[in-house]
N, C-alpha and C. Protein backbone atom coordinates (compact mmCIF):
# COMPACT_ATOMS: atom_id res chain seq x y z
N UNK A 1 0.82 -1.19 0.00
CA UNK A 1 0.00 0.00 0.00
C UNK A 1 0.87 1.26 0.00
N UNK A 2 2.03 1.19 0.63
CA UNK A 2 2.90 2.36 0.64
C UNK A 2 3.37 2.73 -0.75
N UNK A 3 3.58 1.74 -1.61
CA UNK A 3 4.01 1.99 -2.96
C UNK A 3 3.00 2.81 -3.75
N UNK A 4 1.73 2.49 -3.59
CA UNK A 4 0.67 3.22 -4.29
C UNK A 4 0.60 4.66 -3.77
N UNK A 5 0.69 4.84 -2.47
CA UNK A 5 0.66 6.19 -1.90
C UNK A 5 1.84 7.01 -2.38
N UNK A 6 3.02 6.39 -2.46
CA UNK A 6 4.19 7.11 -2.93
C UNK A 6 4.04 7.52 -4.39
N UNK A 7 3.51 6.62 -5.22
CA UNK A 7 3.32 6.94 -6.63
C UNK A 7 2.30 8.07 -6.79
N UNK A 8 1.21 8.01 -6.03
CA UNK A 8 0.19 9.05 -6.13
C UNK A 8 0.75 10.40 -5.66
N UNK A 9 1.50 10.40 -4.57
CA UNK A 9 2.07 11.64 -4.06
C UNK A 9 3.09 12.21 -5.05
N UNK A 10 3.87 11.34 -5.68
CA UNK A 10 4.85 11.79 -6.66
C UNK A 10 4.17 12.42 -7.87
N UNK A 11 3.13 11.79 -8.37
CA UNK A 11 2.40 12.36 -9.52
C UNK A 11 1.75 13.69 -9.16
N UNK A 12 1.21 13.78 -7.95
CA UNK A 12 0.59 15.02 -7.52
C UNK A 12 1.64 16.13 -7.41
N UNK A 13 2.81 15.81 -6.89
CA UNK A 13 3.85 16.83 -6.76
C UNK A 13 4.38 17.25 -8.13
N UNK A 14 4.39 16.34 -9.10
CA UNK A 14 4.81 16.70 -10.45
C UNK A 14 3.81 17.69 -11.05
N UNK A 15 2.53 17.47 -10.80
CA UNK A 15 1.50 18.34 -11.36
C UNK A 15 1.41 19.67 -10.63
N UNK A 16 1.65 19.67 -9.33
CA UNK A 16 1.50 20.89 -8.52
C UNK A 16 2.84 21.37 -8.03
N UNK A 17 3.60 21.96 -8.88
CA UNK A 17 4.88 22.51 -8.47
C UNK A 17 4.79 24.03 -8.34
N UNK A 18 3.63 24.51 -8.05
CA UNK A 18 3.41 25.94 -7.99
C UNK A 18 4.12 26.59 -6.82
N UNK A 19 4.30 27.88 -6.94
CA UNK A 19 4.98 28.64 -5.90
C UNK A 19 4.20 28.63 -4.60
N UNK A 20 2.88 28.59 -4.69
CA UNK A 20 2.08 28.59 -3.47
C UNK A 20 2.31 27.33 -2.66
N UNK A 21 2.41 26.20 -3.32
CA UNK A 21 2.63 24.94 -2.61
C UNK A 21 4.02 24.92 -1.98
N UNK A 22 5.02 25.34 -2.72
CA UNK A 22 6.38 25.37 -2.19
C UNK A 22 6.48 26.35 -1.03
N UNK A 23 5.86 27.51 -1.18
CA UNK A 23 5.88 28.51 -0.10
C UNK A 23 5.14 28.06 1.14
N UNK A 24 4.02 27.39 0.97
CA UNK A 24 3.27 26.93 2.14
C UNK A 24 4.02 25.82 2.88
N UNK A 25 4.69 24.94 2.14
CA UNK A 25 5.51 23.91 2.79
C UNK A 25 6.65 24.57 3.55
N UNK A 26 7.29 25.56 2.92
CA UNK A 26 8.40 26.26 3.57
C UNK A 26 7.94 26.99 4.82
N UNK A 27 6.80 27.65 4.75
CA UNK A 27 6.32 28.39 5.91
C UNK A 27 5.88 27.47 7.03
N UNK A 28 5.33 26.32 6.71
CA UNK A 28 5.00 25.35 7.75
C UNK A 28 6.25 24.88 8.48
N UNK A 29 7.33 24.67 7.75
CA UNK A 29 8.58 24.25 8.37
C UNK A 29 9.18 25.37 9.22
N UNK A 30 9.11 26.61 8.74
CA UNK A 30 9.63 27.73 9.51
C UNK A 30 8.82 27.93 10.79
N UNK A 31 7.50 27.86 10.70
CA UNK A 31 6.66 28.03 11.88
C UNK A 31 6.89 26.91 12.88
N UNK A 32 7.12 25.70 12.41
CA UNK A 32 7.42 24.60 13.32
C UNK A 32 8.79 24.78 13.95
N UNK A 33 9.75 25.26 13.19
CA UNK A 33 11.11 25.47 13.69
C UNK A 33 11.15 26.57 14.75
N UNK A 34 10.39 27.64 14.53
CA UNK A 34 10.40 28.78 15.44
C UNK A 34 9.29 28.73 16.49
N UNK A 35 8.42 27.73 16.43
CA UNK A 35 7.26 27.63 17.32
C UNK A 35 6.41 28.90 17.28
N UNK A 36 6.04 29.30 16.07
CA UNK A 36 5.26 30.51 15.85
C UNK A 36 3.83 30.12 15.52
N UNK A 37 2.90 30.82 16.13
CA UNK A 37 1.49 30.62 15.79
C UNK A 37 1.21 31.27 14.45
N UNK A 38 0.12 30.86 13.81
CA UNK A 38 -0.22 31.41 12.50
C UNK A 38 -0.77 32.83 12.61
N UNK A 39 -1.60 33.05 13.61
CA UNK A 39 -2.25 34.35 13.76
C UNK A 39 -1.96 34.89 15.15
N UNK A 40 -1.68 36.18 15.24
CA UNK A 40 -1.48 36.84 16.52
C UNK A 40 -2.82 36.89 17.25
N UNK A 41 -2.85 36.43 18.49
CA UNK A 41 -4.11 36.34 19.23
C UNK A 41 -4.67 37.71 19.60
N UNK A 42 -3.81 38.70 19.79
CA UNK A 42 -4.29 40.02 20.20
C UNK A 42 -4.86 40.82 19.04
N UNK A 43 -4.15 40.83 17.91
CA UNK A 43 -4.59 41.67 16.79
C UNK A 43 -5.30 40.89 15.69
N UNK A 44 -5.26 39.55 15.75
CA UNK A 44 -5.86 38.68 14.74
C UNK A 44 -5.27 38.90 13.35
N UNK A 45 -4.00 39.31 13.28
CA UNK A 45 -3.30 39.50 12.01
C UNK A 45 -2.31 38.36 11.80
N UNK A 46 -1.95 38.14 10.56
CA UNK A 46 -0.93 37.15 10.24
C UNK A 46 0.41 37.61 10.81
N UNK A 47 1.13 36.70 11.44
CA UNK A 47 2.44 37.06 11.98
C UNK A 47 3.49 37.08 10.86
N UNK A 48 3.44 36.10 9.99
CA UNK A 48 4.37 36.01 8.88
C UNK A 48 3.60 36.01 7.56
N UNK A 49 3.98 36.89 6.66
CA UNK A 49 3.44 36.85 5.31
C UNK A 49 4.62 36.55 4.38
N UNK A 50 4.33 35.95 3.24
CA UNK A 50 5.41 35.45 2.40
C UNK A 50 5.01 35.42 0.94
N UNK A 51 6.01 35.29 0.09
CA UNK A 51 5.83 34.93 -1.32
C UNK A 51 7.14 34.34 -1.82
N UNK A 52 7.06 33.58 -2.91
CA UNK A 52 8.22 32.93 -3.50
C UNK A 52 8.43 33.52 -4.90
N UNK A 53 9.68 33.89 -5.16
CA UNK A 53 10.04 34.40 -6.48
C UNK A 53 11.47 33.97 -6.78
N UNK A 54 11.66 33.34 -7.94
CA UNK A 54 12.98 32.90 -8.40
C UNK A 54 13.72 32.06 -7.36
N UNK A 55 13.02 31.10 -6.79
CA UNK A 55 13.57 30.16 -5.79
C UNK A 55 14.07 30.86 -4.53
N UNK A 56 13.53 32.01 -4.25
CA UNK A 56 13.85 32.73 -3.02
C UNK A 56 12.55 32.94 -2.25
N UNK A 57 12.62 32.74 -0.96
CA UNK A 57 11.46 32.92 -0.09
C UNK A 57 11.56 34.29 0.56
N UNK A 58 10.59 35.14 0.28
CA UNK A 58 10.54 36.48 0.86
C UNK A 58 9.55 36.43 2.03
N UNK A 59 10.02 36.87 3.20
CA UNK A 59 9.19 36.84 4.40
C UNK A 59 9.06 38.26 4.94
N UNK A 60 7.83 38.62 5.28
CA UNK A 60 7.57 39.92 5.87
C UNK A 60 6.95 39.72 7.24
N UNK A 61 7.55 40.34 8.23
CA UNK A 61 7.02 40.30 9.59
C UNK A 61 7.40 41.59 10.31
N UNK A 62 6.60 41.94 11.29
CA UNK A 62 6.88 43.13 12.09
C UNK A 62 7.56 42.78 13.41
N UNK A 63 7.67 41.49 13.70
CA UNK A 63 8.29 41.04 14.94
C UNK A 63 9.80 40.93 14.74
N UNK A 64 10.55 41.79 15.40
CA UNK A 64 12.00 41.83 15.23
C UNK A 64 12.69 40.57 15.78
N UNK A 65 12.12 39.95 16.80
CA UNK A 65 12.71 38.73 17.35
C UNK A 65 12.69 37.61 16.31
N UNK A 66 11.59 37.51 15.58
CA UNK A 66 11.48 36.49 14.54
C UNK A 66 12.47 36.77 13.41
N UNK A 67 12.62 38.04 13.03
CA UNK A 67 13.57 38.39 11.98
C UNK A 67 14.99 38.01 12.38
N UNK A 68 15.36 38.31 13.60
CA UNK A 68 16.70 37.99 14.08
C UNK A 68 16.91 36.49 14.13
N UNK A 69 15.93 35.76 14.62
CA UNK A 69 16.03 34.30 14.71
C UNK A 69 16.17 33.68 13.32
N UNK A 70 15.39 34.14 12.35
CA UNK A 70 15.49 33.62 10.99
C UNK A 70 16.84 33.97 10.38
N UNK A 71 17.33 35.18 10.62
CA UNK A 71 18.62 35.58 10.07
C UNK A 71 19.75 34.75 10.65
N UNK A 72 19.70 34.48 11.96
CA UNK A 72 20.76 33.68 12.60
C UNK A 72 20.78 32.24 12.09
N UNK A 73 19.60 31.64 11.96
CA UNK A 73 19.50 30.23 11.60
C UNK A 73 19.13 30.02 10.14
N UNK A 74 19.43 30.98 9.27
CA UNK A 74 19.00 30.92 7.88
C UNK A 74 19.49 29.66 7.17
N UNK A 75 20.75 29.32 7.31
CA UNK A 75 21.28 28.15 6.59
C UNK A 75 20.64 26.86 7.08
N UNK A 76 20.42 26.75 8.37
CA UNK A 76 19.78 25.56 8.92
C UNK A 76 18.32 25.46 8.48
N UNK A 77 17.62 26.57 8.44
CA UNK A 77 16.22 26.59 8.01
C UNK A 77 16.12 26.22 6.53
N UNK A 78 17.04 26.72 5.71
CA UNK A 78 17.03 26.38 4.29
C UNK A 78 17.26 24.89 4.09
N UNK A 79 18.17 24.31 4.87
CA UNK A 79 18.42 22.86 4.78
C UNK A 79 17.16 22.07 5.14
N UNK A 80 16.47 22.49 6.19
CA UNK A 80 15.25 21.80 6.62
C UNK A 80 14.17 21.90 5.55
N UNK A 81 14.01 23.09 4.98
CA UNK A 81 12.99 23.28 3.94
C UNK A 81 13.30 22.43 2.71
N UNK A 82 14.55 22.46 2.27
CA UNK A 82 14.92 21.69 1.08
C UNK A 82 14.83 20.19 1.32
N UNK A 83 15.11 19.76 2.53
CA UNK A 83 14.96 18.34 2.86
C UNK A 83 13.49 17.94 2.80
N UNK A 84 12.63 18.78 3.33
CA UNK A 84 11.19 18.50 3.28
C UNK A 84 10.68 18.48 1.84
N UNK A 85 11.15 19.42 1.02
CA UNK A 85 10.73 19.45 -0.38
C UNK A 85 11.21 18.21 -1.13
N UNK A 86 12.42 17.75 -0.83
CA UNK A 86 12.93 16.56 -1.51
C UNK A 86 12.20 15.30 -1.05
N UNK A 87 11.72 15.28 0.19
CA UNK A 87 10.94 14.14 0.67
C UNK A 87 9.62 14.01 -0.10
N UNK A 88 9.11 15.13 -0.58
CA UNK A 88 7.85 15.13 -1.32
C UNK A 88 8.13 15.12 -2.82
N UNK A 89 9.35 14.86 -3.21
CA UNK A 89 9.79 14.73 -4.61
C UNK A 89 9.76 16.04 -5.38
N UNK A 90 9.98 17.15 -4.73
CA UNK A 90 10.14 18.41 -5.45
C UNK A 90 11.60 18.55 -5.82
N UNK A 91 11.86 18.92 -7.06
CA UNK A 91 13.23 19.18 -7.49
C UNK A 91 13.61 20.63 -7.24
N UNK A 92 12.63 21.47 -7.06
CA UNK A 92 12.86 22.88 -6.77
C UNK A 92 13.40 23.03 -5.35
N UNK A 93 14.39 23.88 -5.19
CA UNK A 93 14.95 24.14 -3.87
C UNK A 93 14.91 25.63 -3.58
N UNK A 94 14.78 25.95 -2.32
CA UNK A 94 14.85 27.34 -1.88
C UNK A 94 16.31 27.70 -1.75
N UNK A 95 16.73 28.76 -2.44
CA UNK A 95 18.13 29.17 -2.42
C UNK A 95 18.44 30.16 -1.30
N UNK A 96 17.48 31.00 -0.97
CA UNK A 96 17.74 32.06 0.00
C UNK A 96 16.44 32.48 0.66
N UNK A 97 16.56 33.02 1.85
CA UNK A 97 15.43 33.62 2.56
C UNK A 97 15.73 35.08 2.71
N UNK A 98 14.83 35.92 2.22
CA UNK A 98 15.03 37.36 2.28
C UNK A 98 13.95 37.96 3.18
N UNK A 99 14.38 38.73 4.15
CA UNK A 99 13.45 39.35 5.11
C UNK A 99 13.12 40.75 4.64
N UNK A 100 11.84 41.09 4.75
CA UNK A 100 11.38 42.42 4.35
C UNK A 100 10.82 43.14 5.54
């Protein structure tokens, strides 16, 4: 049964290589790495907003602690994201994280 699931997941990843999918996988890994909630409970706003362009992940946040943490651990975060993408059979890799 695992073989069928792997084949189906591989075909789905071949069809859906969009930037939104790659960005959402990357952001899930970053939020798990930093233990960040999706929405700020006080203001009900997104803590991290993002987009992907030319294999670079652009992140916008107003929290300076998160910016510093991402900047310090950038190489480790990129390795984690690319490992997760390769597990799902994506050939696309994130080359850099740029903070805005």
